[in-house]
Amino acid sequence: MVERDQVSPLAPSGSLRSDQDEASVFAKNFRKRRFIKCCGCIAAFMLIQAVVIIILAFTVFRVKDPVIKMNGVTITKLELINGTIPKPGSNMSLLADISVKNPNVASFKYKNTTTTLYYHGTVVGEARGPPGKSRARRTMRMNISVDIITDMLLSNPNLIEDMKQQLLPMSSYSRIPGRVNMLNIIKKHVTVKMNCTMTINITSRAIQEQKCKRHVNI
């Protein structure tokens, strides 16, 4: 009797393809879940970063108004006739001590400062100060020299009476434009303005009374 070779039956091809499909679906689902997790982490990080920036913008990085102050004005040059009235053709010089306080956590860089002096509403002098930089939470002081044309004073009818009392009422207007820059994230253009009324004592050559009002444009 002739023995026949026994051949084992092959596994159905459909079962192998099913396993491959399941592995492919599992891999796709795994990549999808990993992608969703990465997107979620990125979104959460960006949200936290945005919240931190907003909090800092309204607290630490909130732009505060720089404060300009007229500390004092002294007469450095004055020629009088008989100690009563200014000498015609001469110049009268005032030295204004001005400070700029920067309360921010970033520096305040300002451009040329302008100070105009008035006597009974008439412009009698003007001066320009150099640009500068006030460091974070520091106060910058500057001395601005204002030359007054005495002929403008002599043409004013109020001068004789004021000189009799040795008191010279004046007003000033100062303007300081600049910019506050915080880590190159928050940049604000700031203009500080100040109006002052003062009474200068001719005898002591110093301010006797002074009132100032400040205004800040951001």
N, C-alpha and C. Protein backbone atom coordinates (compact mmCIF):
# COMPACT_ATOMS: atom_id res chain seq x y z
N MET A 1 0.87 -1.17 0.00
CA MET A 1 0.00 0.00 0.00
C MET A 1 0.90 1.21 0.00
N VAL A 2 0.64 2.10 -0.94
CA VAL A 2 1.48 3.29 -1.10
C VAL A 2 1.02 4.36 -0.15
N GLU A 3 2.08 4.87 0.66
CA GLU A 3 1.74 5.93 1.63
C GLU A 3 1.73 7.28 0.92
N ARG A 4 0.74 8.00 1.17
CA ARG A 4 0.63 9.35 0.58
C ARG A 4 1.12 10.39 1.58
N ASP A 5 1.86 11.39 0.98
CA ASP A 5 2.34 12.48 1.84
C ASP A 5 1.16 13.29 2.34
N GLN A 6 1.19 13.46 3.64
CA GLN A 6 0.13 14.27 4.23
C GLN A 6 0.57 15.73 4.30
N VAL A 7 -0.20 16.59 3.75
CA VAL A 7 0.08 18.03 3.72
C VAL A 7 -0.86 18.71 4.67
N SER A 8 -0.26 19.48 5.63
CA SER A 8 -1.10 20.20 6.60
C SER A 8 -1.78 21.35 5.90
N PRO A 9 -2.97 21.64 6.23
CA PRO A 9 -3.70 22.75 5.57
C PRO A 9 -3.12 24.10 5.96
N LEU A 10 -3.08 25.05 5.02
CA LEU A 10 -2.60 26.41 5.26
C LEU A 10 -3.62 27.20 6.05
N ALA A 11 -3.09 28.14 6.91
CA ALA A 11 -3.99 29.02 7.67
C ALA A 11 -4.70 29.94 6.72
N PRO A 12 -5.87 30.24 6.96
CA PRO A 12 -6.61 31.14 6.05
C PRO A 12 -5.98 32.51 6.01
N SER A 13 -5.82 33.05 4.80
CA SER A 13 -5.20 34.36 4.62
C SER A 13 -6.02 35.48 5.25
N GLY A 14 -7.28 35.31 5.40
CA GLY A 14 -8.15 36.34 6.01
C GLY A 14 -7.79 36.62 7.44
N SER A 15 -7.35 35.65 8.20
CA SER A 15 -6.98 35.86 9.61
C SER A 15 -5.74 36.73 9.74
N LEU A 16 -4.74 36.53 8.86
CA LEU A 16 -3.52 37.34 8.90
C LEU A 16 -3.81 38.79 8.54
N ARG A 17 -4.64 38.99 7.56
CA ARG A 17 -4.99 40.35 7.17
C ARG A 17 -5.76 41.05 8.28
N SER A 18 -6.58 40.33 8.99
CA SER A 18 -7.36 40.92 10.10
C SER A 18 -6.42 41.39 11.21
N ASP A 19 -5.39 40.56 11.50
CA ASP A 19 -4.43 40.95 12.54
C ASP A 19 -3.66 42.20 12.13
N GLN A 20 -3.30 42.27 10.84
CA GLN A 20 -2.59 43.44 10.36
C GLN A 20 -3.46 44.69 10.43
N ASP A 21 -4.72 44.56 10.11
CA ASP A 21 -5.65 45.71 10.18
C ASP A 21 -5.81 46.19 11.62
N GLU A 22 -5.92 45.22 12.54
CA GLU A 22 -6.07 45.60 13.95
C GLU A 22 -4.82 46.34 14.45
N ALA A 23 -3.65 45.86 14.04
CA ALA A 23 -2.40 46.52 14.44
C ALA A 23 -2.31 47.91 13.86
N SER A 24 -2.75 48.05 12.59
CA SER A 24 -2.72 49.37 11.94
C SER A 24 -3.68 50.34 12.63
N VAL A 25 -4.88 49.84 12.97
CA VAL A 25 -5.86 50.69 13.66
C VAL A 25 -5.34 51.09 15.03
N PHE A 26 -4.72 50.13 15.72
CA PHE A 26 -4.17 50.43 17.06
C PHE A 26 -3.07 51.50 16.96
N ALA A 27 -2.21 51.36 15.96
CA ALA A 27 -1.13 52.33 15.77
C ALA A 27 -1.69 53.71 15.46
N LYS A 28 -2.71 53.75 14.60
CA LYS A 28 -3.31 55.04 14.25
C LYS A 28 -3.97 55.67 15.48
N ASN A 29 -4.67 54.87 16.26
CA ASN A 29 -5.32 55.40 17.47
C ASN A 29 -4.28 55.90 18.47
N PHE A 30 -3.16 55.15 18.57
CA PHE A 30 -2.10 55.55 19.49
C PHE A 30 -1.50 56.88 19.07
N ARG A 31 -1.22 57.02 17.75
CA ARG A 31 -0.67 58.28 17.26
C ARG A 31 -1.67 59.42 17.43
N LYS A 32 -2.95 59.12 17.22
CA LYS A 32 -3.98 60.14 17.37
C LYS A 32 -4.07 60.63 18.81
N ARG A 33 -4.05 59.63 19.77
CA ARG A 33 -4.11 60.01 21.18
C ARG A 33 -2.87 60.81 21.58
N ARG A 34 -1.72 60.39 21.08
CA ARG A 34 -0.49 61.12 21.39
C ARG A 34 -0.52 62.53 20.80
N PHE A 35 -1.06 62.68 19.60
CA PHE A 35 -1.19 64.00 18.97
C PHE A 35 -2.13 64.90 19.76
N ILE A 36 -3.25 64.29 20.21
CA ILE A 36 -4.22 65.07 21.00
C ILE A 36 -3.60 65.52 22.32
N LYS A 37 -2.82 64.61 22.95
CA LYS A 37 -2.17 64.98 24.20
C LYS A 37 -1.15 66.10 23.99
N CYS A 38 -0.39 66.00 22.90
CA CYS A 38 0.61 67.06 22.61
C CYS A 38 -0.08 68.39 22.37
N CYS A 39 -1.17 68.36 21.57
CA CYS A 39 -1.92 69.61 21.33
C CYS A 39 -2.49 70.16 22.61
N GLY A 40 -2.99 69.26 23.48
CA GLY A 40 -3.54 69.71 24.76
C GLY A 40 -2.48 70.35 25.64
N CYS A 41 -1.28 69.73 25.67
CA CYS A 41 -0.20 70.30 26.47
C CYS A 41 0.24 71.65 25.94
N ILE A 42 0.34 71.77 24.61
CA ILE A 42 0.73 73.05 24.00
C ILE A 42 -0.30 74.12 24.28
N ALA A 43 -1.59 73.75 24.12
CA ALA A 43 -2.67 74.71 24.38
C ALA A 43 -2.69 75.14 25.84
N ALA A 44 -2.47 74.18 26.75
CA ALA A 44 -2.45 74.51 28.18
C ALA A 44 -1.28 75.43 28.51
N PHE A 45 -0.11 75.15 27.91
CA PHE A 45 1.06 75.98 28.14
C PHE A 45 0.84 77.40 27.62
N MET A 46 0.25 77.52 26.41
CA MET A 46 -0.02 78.85 25.85
C MET A 46 -1.05 79.59 26.68
N LEU A 47 -2.04 78.87 27.20
CA LEU A 47 -3.06 79.50 28.03
C LEU A 47 -2.45 80.01 29.33
N ILE A 48 -1.61 79.18 29.96
CA ILE A 48 -0.96 79.60 31.20
C ILE A 48 -0.06 80.81 30.95
N GLN A 49 0.66 80.76 29.83
CA GLN A 49 1.55 81.88 29.48
C GLN A 49 0.75 83.15 29.26
N ALA A 50 -0.39 83.04 28.57
CA ALA A 50 -1.23 84.22 28.33
C ALA A 50 -1.78 84.78 29.63
N VAL A 51 -2.20 83.88 30.53
CA VAL A 51 -2.73 84.33 31.83
C VAL A 51 -1.65 85.04 32.64
N VAL A 52 -0.43 84.48 32.63
CA VAL A 52 0.68 85.10 33.36
C VAL A 52 1.00 86.48 32.80
N ILE A 53 1.03 86.58 31.45
CA ILE A 53 1.31 87.87 30.82
C ILE A 53 0.24 88.89 31.18
N ILE A 54 -1.03 88.46 31.15
CA ILE A 54 -2.13 89.38 31.49
C ILE A 54 -2.02 89.84 32.94
N ILE A 55 -1.71 88.89 33.84
CA ILE A 55 -1.58 89.26 35.26
C ILE A 55 -0.42 90.24 35.45
N LEU A 56 0.71 89.96 34.80
CA LEU A 56 1.85 90.86 34.92
C LEU A 56 1.56 92.23 34.30
N ALA A 57 0.80 92.21 33.19
CA ALA A 57 0.48 93.48 32.53
C ALA A 57 -0.36 94.38 33.41
N PHE A 58 -1.20 93.78 34.26
CA PHE A 58 -2.08 94.59 35.12
C PHE A 58 -1.52 94.78 36.52
N THR A 59 -0.38 94.18 36.81
CA THR A 59 0.22 94.33 38.15
C THR A 59 1.63 94.89 38.04
N VAL A 60 2.60 94.00 37.88
CA VAL A 60 4.00 94.42 37.88
C VAL A 60 4.34 95.28 36.67
N PHE A 61 3.85 94.87 35.48
CA PHE A 61 4.20 95.56 34.25
C PHE A 61 3.20 96.66 33.88
N ARG A 62 2.32 97.00 34.78
CA ARG A 62 1.37 98.08 34.47
C ARG A 62 2.13 99.40 34.39
N VAL A 63 1.91 100.11 33.28
CA VAL A 63 2.63 101.37 33.08
C VAL A 63 2.08 102.43 34.02
N LYS A 64 2.94 102.94 34.88
CA LYS A 64 2.55 103.98 35.82
C LYS A 64 3.04 105.33 35.32
N ASP A 65 2.37 106.36 35.74
CA ASP A 65 2.69 107.70 35.27
C ASP A 65 4.02 108.18 35.86
N PRO A 66 4.97 108.56 35.01
CA PRO A 66 6.17 109.23 35.54
C PRO A 66 5.77 110.56 36.19
N VAL A 67 6.49 110.92 37.24
CA VAL A 67 6.16 112.12 38.01
C VAL A 67 7.23 113.17 37.78
N ILE A 68 6.84 114.33 37.27
CA ILE A 68 7.76 115.44 37.08
C ILE A 68 7.51 116.45 38.19
N LYS A 69 8.58 116.98 38.75
CA LYS A 69 8.46 117.89 39.88
C LYS A 69 9.44 119.05 39.72
N MET A 70 8.94 120.24 40.01
CA MET A 70 9.78 121.44 40.03
C MET A 70 10.28 121.62 41.46
N ASN A 71 11.54 121.26 41.69
CA ASN A 71 12.08 121.32 43.05
C ASN A 71 12.41 122.75 43.49
N GLY A 72 12.77 123.57 42.55
CA GLY A 72 13.10 124.95 42.91
C GLY A 72 13.60 125.74 41.72
N VAL A 73 13.51 127.04 41.85
CA VAL A 73 14.00 127.96 40.82
C VAL A 73 14.81 129.05 41.52
N THR A 74 16.01 129.28 41.03
CA THR A 74 16.84 130.34 41.60
C THR A 74 17.28 131.30 40.51
N ILE A 75 17.42 132.56 40.87
CA ILE A 75 17.89 133.58 39.93
C ILE A 75 19.41 133.57 39.95
N THR A 76 20.01 133.26 38.83
CA THR A 76 21.46 133.20 38.76
C THR A 76 22.07 134.46 38.15
N LYS A 77 21.25 135.25 37.49
CA LYS A 77 21.77 136.47 36.85
C LYS A 77 20.68 137.52 36.81
N LEU A 78 20.95 138.66 37.42
CA LEU A 78 19.96 139.73 37.45
C LEU A 78 20.67 141.06 37.70
N GLU A 79 20.51 141.98 36.78
CA GLU A 79 21.09 143.31 36.91
C GLU A 79 19.95 144.32 37.13
N LEU A 80 20.02 145.01 38.27
CA LEU A 80 18.98 145.97 38.62
C LEU A 80 19.53 147.39 38.62
N ILE A 81 18.65 148.32 38.35
CA ILE A 81 18.98 149.74 38.42
C ILE A 81 18.48 150.27 39.77
N ASN A 82 19.41 150.75 40.60
CA ASN A 82 19.07 151.25 41.93
C ASN A 82 18.37 150.18 42.77
N GLY A 83 18.60 148.93 42.42
CA GLY A 83 18.01 147.83 43.19
C GLY A 83 16.52 147.70 43.04
N THR A 84 15.96 148.31 41.99
CA THR A 84 14.50 148.30 41.85
C THR A 84 14.03 147.61 40.57
N ILE A 85 14.53 148.04 39.41
CA ILE A 85 14.03 147.48 38.15
C ILE A 85 15.20 146.88 37.36
N PRO A 86 14.91 145.87 36.52
CA PRO A 86 15.98 145.27 35.72
C PRO A 86 16.59 146.28 34.75
N LYS A 87 17.87 146.11 34.50
CA LYS A 87 18.58 146.99 33.58
C LYS A 87 18.17 146.69 32.14
N PRO A 88 17.75 147.70 31.37
CA PRO A 88 17.35 147.46 29.98
C PRO A 88 18.50 146.86 29.16
N GLY A 89 18.15 145.90 28.29
CA GLY A 89 19.13 145.28 27.43
C GLY A 89 19.89 144.13 28.07
N SER A 90 19.71 143.94 29.38
CA SER A 90 20.40 142.84 30.06
C SER A 90 19.49 141.60 30.09
N ASN A 91 20.09 140.50 30.38
CA ASN A 91 19.34 139.25 30.46
C ASN A 91 19.24 138.78 31.91
N MET A 92 18.12 138.20 32.23
CA MET A 92 17.88 137.64 33.55
C MET A 92 17.83 136.12 33.39
N SER A 93 18.61 135.40 34.19
CA SER A 93 18.68 133.95 34.06
C SER A 93 18.09 133.27 35.29
N LEU A 94 17.32 132.23 35.02
CA LEU A 94 16.76 131.40 36.08
C LEU A 94 17.27 129.98 35.91
N LEU A 95 17.54 129.32 37.02
CA LEU A 95 17.97 127.92 37.00
C LEU A 95 16.86 127.09 37.65
N ALA A 96 16.22 126.26 36.82
CA ALA A 96 15.11 125.44 37.30
C ALA A 96 15.63 124.03 37.63
N ASP A 97 15.37 123.59 38.83
CA ASP A 97 15.75 122.24 39.28
C ASP A 97 14.53 121.34 39.11
N ILE A 98 14.58 120.47 38.11
CA ILE A 98 13.45 119.60 37.76
C ILE A 98 13.85 118.15 37.96
N SER A 99 12.95 117.36 38.54
CA SER A 99 13.20 115.93 38.72
C SER A 99 12.11 115.12 38.02
N VAL A 100 12.50 113.98 37.48
CA VAL A 100 11.57 113.06 36.83
C VAL A 100 11.66 111.72 37.56
N LYS A 101 10.59 111.34 38.23
CA LYS A 101 10.54 110.08 38.96
C LYS A 101 9.89 109.01 38.11
N ASN A 102 10.56 107.88 37.96
CA ASN A 102 10.04 106.78 37.16
C ASN A 102 9.61 105.65 38.11
N PRO A 103 8.30 105.45 38.33
CA PRO A 103 7.84 104.40 39.25
C PRO A 103 7.72 103.03 38.60
N ASN A 104 8.05 102.90 37.33
CA ASN A 104 7.89 101.64 36.61
C ASN A 104 9.09 100.71 36.84
N VAL A 105 8.89 99.42 36.47
CA VAL A 105 9.97 98.43 36.59
C VAL A 105 10.82 98.42 35.32
N ALA A 106 10.59 99.35 34.44
CA ALA A 106 11.39 99.50 33.22
C ALA A 106 11.85 100.94 33.13
N SER A 107 12.84 101.18 32.30
CA SER A 107 13.39 102.53 32.17
C SER A 107 12.45 103.43 31.38
N PHE A 108 12.53 104.72 31.68
CA PHE A 108 11.76 105.73 30.96
C PHE A 108 12.75 106.60 30.19
N LYS A 109 12.74 106.46 28.89
CA LYS A 109 13.66 107.20 28.04
C LYS A 109 12.92 108.39 27.45
N TYR A 110 13.42 109.59 27.75
CA TYR A 110 12.71 110.78 27.31
C TYR A 110 13.55 111.58 26.31
N LYS A 111 12.84 112.37 25.53
CA LYS A 111 13.48 113.18 24.50
C LYS A 111 13.79 114.56 25.07
N ASN A 112 14.04 115.52 24.19
CA ASN A 112 14.35 116.89 24.64
C ASN A 112 13.20 117.46 25.46
N THR A 113 13.53 118.03 26.59
CA THR A 113 12.53 118.67 27.44
C THR A 113 12.40 120.14 27.06
N THR A 114 11.20 120.65 27.24
CA THR A 114 10.93 122.06 26.91
C THR A 114 10.30 122.74 28.11
N THR A 115 10.84 123.87 28.49
CA THR A 115 10.29 124.67 29.59
C THR A 115 10.08 126.10 29.10
N THR A 116 8.86 126.58 29.24
CA THR A 116 8.51 127.95 28.82
C THR A 116 8.09 128.75 30.05
N LEU A 117 8.59 129.96 30.15
CA LEU A 117 8.30 130.82 31.30
C LEU A 117 7.42 131.98 30.87
N TYR A 118 6.41 132.27 31.70
CA TYR A 118 5.45 133.34 31.40
C TYR A 118 5.45 134.36 32.55
N TYR A 119 5.24 135.61 32.16
CA TYR A 119 5.05 136.68 33.14
C TYR A 119 3.75 137.40 32.79
N HIS A 120 2.76 137.23 33.66
CA HIS A 120 1.42 137.77 33.41
C HIS A 120 0.91 137.38 32.02
N GLY A 121 1.09 136.10 31.67
CA GLY A 121 0.57 135.57 30.41
C GLY A 121 1.45 135.81 29.19
N THR A 122 2.56 136.52 29.33
CA THR A 122 3.45 136.81 28.20
C THR A 122 4.70 135.94 28.29
N VAL A 123 5.07 135.33 27.17
CA VAL A 123 6.28 134.50 27.15
C VAL A 123 7.51 135.38 27.29
N VAL A 124 8.30 135.13 28.32
CA VAL A 124 9.51 135.92 28.55
C VAL A 124 10.78 135.07 28.48
N GLY A 125 10.63 133.76 28.35
CA GLY A 125 11.82 132.91 28.27
C GLY A 125 11.45 131.48 27.94
N GLU A 126 12.40 130.79 27.33
CA GLU A 126 12.20 129.38 26.98
C GLU A 126 13.54 128.66 27.00
N ALA A 127 13.49 127.42 27.41
CA ALA A 127 14.73 126.62 27.48
C ALA A 127 14.43 125.20 27.07
N ARG A 128 15.46 124.54 26.53
CA ARG A 128 15.36 123.14 26.14
C ARG A 128 16.42 122.33 26.88
N GLY A 129 15.97 121.24 27.46
CA GLY A 129 16.90 120.35 28.15
C GLY A 129 17.28 119.17 27.27
N PRO A 130 18.41 118.55 27.51
CA PRO A 130 18.86 117.42 26.70
C PRO A 130 18.04 116.16 26.98
N PRO A 131 18.03 115.21 26.03
CA PRO A 131 17.34 113.94 26.28
C PRO A 131 18.07 113.15 27.36
N GLY A 132 17.38 112.21 27.95
CA GLY A 132 17.99 111.42 29.02
C GLY A 132 17.22 110.15 29.27
N LYS A 133 17.60 109.49 30.33
CA LYS A 133 17.00 108.19 30.67
C LYS A 133 16.88 108.06 32.18
N SER A 134 15.66 107.78 32.62
CA SER A 134 15.42 107.56 34.04
C SER A 134 15.28 106.06 34.27
N ARG A 135 16.19 105.50 35.06
CA ARG A 135 16.18 104.06 35.28
C ARG A 135 14.97 103.62 36.10
N ALA A 136 14.73 102.32 36.10
CA ALA A 136 13.56 101.77 36.77
C ALA A 136 13.53 102.16 38.24
N ARG A 137 12.38 102.70 38.63
CA ARG A 137 12.14 103.09 40.02
C ARG A 137 13.23 104.01 40.57
N ARG A 138 13.69 104.90 39.72
CA ARG A 138 14.69 105.88 40.12
C ARG A 138 14.18 107.28 39.77
N THR A 139 14.85 108.28 40.33
CA THR A 139 14.51 109.67 40.06
C THR A 139 15.68 110.35 39.38
N MET A 140 15.40 110.95 38.26
CA MET A 140 16.42 111.67 37.49
C MET A 140 16.23 113.16 37.70
N ARG A 141 17.30 113.85 38.10
CA ARG A 141 17.23 115.29 38.31
C ARG A 141 18.03 116.01 37.24
N MET A 142 17.51 117.16 36.85
CA MET A 142 18.19 117.95 35.83
C MET A 142 18.05 119.43 36.15
N ASN A 143 19.04 120.21 35.78
CA ASN A 143 19.02 121.66 35.94
C ASN A 143 18.87 122.30 34.56
N ILE A 144 17.82 123.07 34.41
CA ILE A 144 17.54 123.73 33.14
C ILE A 144 17.68 125.24 33.33
N SER A 145 18.55 125.84 32.55
CA SER A 145 18.77 127.28 32.63
C SER A 145 17.85 127.99 31.64
N VAL A 146 17.09 128.96 32.14
CA VAL A 146 16.15 129.73 31.32
C VAL A 146 16.63 131.18 31.27
N ASP A 147 16.89 131.67 30.08
CA ASP A 147 17.28 133.07 29.90
C ASP A 147 16.04 133.91 29.63
N ILE A 148 15.85 134.92 30.46
CA ILE A 148 14.68 135.80 30.32
C ILE A 148 15.13 137.11 29.69
N ILE A 149 14.40 137.51 28.68
CA ILE A 149 14.69 138.80 28.04
C ILE A 149 14.03 139.89 28.87
N THR A 150 14.86 140.70 29.52
CA THR A 150 14.32 141.72 30.44
C THR A 150 13.50 142.77 29.71
N ASP A 151 13.79 142.99 28.43
CA ASP A 151 12.98 143.97 27.68
C ASP A 151 11.52 143.54 27.61
N MET A 152 11.28 142.23 27.61
CA MET A 152 9.90 141.74 27.63
C MET A 152 9.25 142.03 28.97
N LEU A 153 10.06 141.99 30.04
CA LEU A 153 9.52 142.32 31.36
C LEU A 153 9.24 143.82 31.47
N LEU A 154 10.17 144.63 30.97
CA LEU A 154 10.02 146.09 31.08
C LEU A 154 8.82 146.60 30.31
N SER A 155 8.43 145.88 29.27
CA SER A 155 7.28 146.33 28.47
C SER A 155 5.96 145.98 29.13
N ASN A 156 6.01 145.22 30.20
CA ASN A 156 4.78 144.83 30.89
C ASN A 156 4.43 145.87 31.94
N PRO A 157 3.21 146.40 31.93
CA PRO A 157 2.83 147.47 32.88
C PRO A 157 2.78 147.02 34.34
N ASN A 158 2.78 145.71 34.57
CA ASN A 158 2.70 145.21 35.95
C ASN A 158 4.06 145.15 36.64
N LEU A 159 5.13 145.38 35.89
CA LEU A 159 6.45 145.17 36.45
C LEU A 159 6.78 146.15 37.57
N ILE A 160 6.45 147.44 37.40
CA ILE A 160 6.82 148.45 38.40
C ILE A 160 6.21 148.12 39.76
N GLU A 161 4.92 147.77 39.76
CA GLU A 161 4.25 147.44 41.02
C GLU A 161 4.83 146.17 41.64
N ASP A 162 5.13 145.18 40.80
CA ASP A 162 5.69 143.93 41.33
C ASP A 162 7.09 144.15 41.91
N MET A 163 7.89 145.00 41.27
CA MET A 163 9.23 145.26 41.76
C MET A 163 9.22 146.04 43.06
N LYS A 164 8.21 146.86 43.26
CA LYS A 164 8.08 147.57 44.53
C LYS A 164 7.91 146.59 45.68
N GLN A 165 7.17 145.53 45.43
CA GLN A 165 6.94 144.51 46.45
C GLN A 165 8.05 143.46 46.48
N GLN A 166 9.01 143.60 45.54
CA GLN A 166 10.12 142.65 45.45
C GLN A 166 9.63 141.22 45.20
N LEU A 167 8.48 141.10 44.56
CA LEU A 167 7.91 139.79 44.24
C LEU A 167 7.56 139.74 42.76
N LEU A 168 7.99 138.68 42.11
CA LEU A 168 7.78 138.54 40.68
C LEU A 168 6.92 137.30 40.42
N PRO A 169 5.61 137.48 40.13
CA PRO A 169 4.76 136.32 39.85
C PRO A 169 5.01 135.80 38.44
N MET A 170 5.25 134.51 38.34
CA MET A 170 5.50 133.88 37.04
C MET A 170 4.82 132.53 36.97
N SER A 171 4.73 132.02 35.76
CA SER A 171 4.19 130.68 35.55
C SER A 171 5.09 129.97 34.53
N SER A 172 5.09 128.65 34.60
CA SER A 172 5.94 127.88 33.70
C SER A 172 5.16 126.69 33.15
N TYR A 173 5.61 126.24 31.99
CA TYR A 173 5.02 125.05 31.36
C TYR A 173 6.17 124.16 30.90
N SER A 174 6.19 122.94 31.39
CA SER A 174 7.24 121.99 31.04
C SER A 174 6.63 120.77 30.36
N ARG A 175 7.33 120.28 29.36
CA ARG A 175 6.83 119.12 28.60
C ARG A 175 7.99 118.14 28.38
N ILE A 176 7.75 116.88 28.75
CA ILE A 176 8.76 115.84 28.60
C ILE A 176 8.14 114.64 27.87
N PRO A 177 8.43 114.48 26.59
CA PRO A 177 7.94 113.29 25.87
C PRO A 177 8.93 112.14 25.99
N GLY A 178 8.41 110.92 26.08
CA GLY A 178 9.31 109.78 26.19
C GLY A 178 8.58 108.47 25.97
N ARG A 179 9.25 107.37 26.33
CA ARG A 179 8.67 106.04 26.13
C ARG A 179 9.13 105.10 27.22
N VAL A 180 8.18 104.29 27.71
CA VAL A 180 8.48 103.24 28.69
C VAL A 180 8.52 101.91 27.94
N ASN A 181 9.63 101.18 28.07
CA ASN A 181 9.82 99.92 27.36
C ASN A 181 10.06 98.82 28.38
N MET A 182 9.13 97.84 28.43
CA MET A 182 9.22 96.74 29.38
C MET A 182 9.52 95.44 28.65
N LEU A 183 10.78 95.03 28.66
CA LEU A 183 11.23 93.76 28.11
C LEU A 183 10.84 93.59 26.64
N ASN A 184 10.71 94.71 25.94
CA ASN A 184 10.30 94.71 24.53
C ASN A 184 8.94 94.06 24.33
N ILE A 185 8.16 93.92 25.40
CA ILE A 185 6.81 93.35 25.31
C ILE A 185 5.78 94.47 25.36
N ILE A 186 5.93 95.34 26.35
CA ILE A 186 5.00 96.46 26.52
C ILE A 186 5.75 97.75 26.26
N LYS A 187 5.32 98.47 25.25
CA LYS A 187 5.94 99.76 24.90
C LYS A 187 4.86 100.83 24.92
N LYS A 188 5.09 101.85 25.71
CA LYS A 188 4.11 102.92 25.84
C LYS A 188 4.79 104.27 25.66
N HIS A 189 4.20 105.07 24.78
CA HIS A 189 4.68 106.44 24.62
C HIS A 189 4.00 107.30 25.69
N VAL A 190 4.79 108.03 26.41
CA VAL A 190 4.31 108.83 27.53
C VAL A 190 4.78 110.27 27.37
N THR A 191 3.86 111.20 27.59
CA THR A 191 4.21 112.62 27.58
C THR A 191 3.78 113.23 28.91
N VAL A 192 4.76 113.73 29.64
CA VAL A 192 4.49 114.34 30.95
C VAL A 192 4.47 115.85 30.78
N LYS A 193 3.39 116.47 31.26
CA LYS A 193 3.25 117.92 31.18
C LYS A 193 3.04 118.48 32.59
N MET A 194 3.58 119.67 32.82
CA MET A 194 3.42 120.29 34.13
C MET A 194 3.28 121.80 34.00
N ASN A 195 2.27 122.33 34.65
CA ASN A 195 2.05 123.77 34.73
C ASN A 195 2.28 124.22 36.17
N CYS A 196 3.08 125.24 36.33
CA CYS A 196 3.41 125.75 37.66
C CYS A 196 3.17 127.26 37.72
N THR A 197 2.67 127.70 38.86
CA THR A 197 2.61 129.12 39.16
C THR A 197 3.51 129.36 40.36
N MET A 198 4.29 130.43 40.30
CA MET A 198 5.26 130.67 41.36
C MET A 198 5.44 132.17 41.60
N THR A 199 5.93 132.47 42.76
CA THR A 199 6.27 133.85 43.11
C THR A 199 7.75 133.88 43.47
N ILE A 200 8.52 134.64 42.71
CA ILE A 200 9.96 134.72 42.93
C ILE A 200 10.28 135.94 43.76
N ASN A 201 11.00 135.71 44.84
CA ASN A 201 11.42 136.80 45.71
C ASN A 201 12.71 137.40 45.14
N ILE A 202 12.65 138.67 44.76
CA ILE A 202 13.81 139.31 44.15
C ILE A 202 14.96 139.45 45.15
N THR A 203 14.64 139.67 46.41
CA THR A 203 15.68 139.87 47.42
C THR A 203 16.46 138.58 47.69
N SER A 204 15.72 137.51 47.94
CA SER A 204 16.39 136.23 48.24
C SER A 204 16.74 135.45 46.98
N ARG A 205 16.19 135.90 45.84
CA ARG A 205 16.42 135.24 44.55
C ARG A 205 16.03 133.76 44.59
N ALA A 206 14.91 133.49 45.23
CA ALA A 206 14.41 132.12 45.33
C ALA A 206 12.89 132.14 45.24
N ILE A 207 12.31 130.96 45.10
CA ILE A 207 10.85 130.85 45.03
C ILE A 207 10.25 131.03 46.42
N GLN A 208 9.24 131.86 46.48
CA GLN A 208 8.55 132.07 47.76
C GLN A 208 7.30 131.20 47.83
N GLU A 209 6.59 131.07 46.72
CA GLU A 209 5.40 130.23 46.66
C GLU A 209 5.40 129.48 45.33
N GLN A 210 4.87 128.27 45.36
CA GLN A 210 4.81 127.50 44.12
C GLN A 210 3.68 126.48 44.18
N LYS A 211 2.92 126.37 43.08
CA LYS A 211 1.86 125.38 42.94
C LYS A 211 1.99 124.77 41.53
N CYS A 212 1.97 123.47 41.47
CA CYS A 212 2.12 122.78 40.20
C CYS A 212 1.01 121.77 39.97
N LYS A 213 0.64 121.62 38.72
CA LYS A 213 -0.34 120.60 38.32
C LYS A 213 0.29 119.78 37.19
N ARG A 214 0.19 118.46 37.35
CA ARG A 214 0.78 117.56 36.35
C ARG A 214 -0.30 116.86 35.55
N HIS A 215 0.04 116.56 34.33
CA HIS A 215 -0.85 115.81 33.45
C HIS A 215 -0.02 114.87 32.60
N VAL A 216 -0.47 113.61 32.50
CA VAL A 216 0.26 112.60 31.75
C VAL A 216 -0.60 112.03 30.65
N ASN A 217 -0.07 112.02 29.44
CA ASN A 217 -0.74 111.39 28.30
C ASN A 217 -0.04 110.08 27.99
N ILE A 218 -0.83 108.98 27.95
CA ILE A 218 -0.28 107.66 27.62
C ILE A 218 -0.95 107.12 26.36
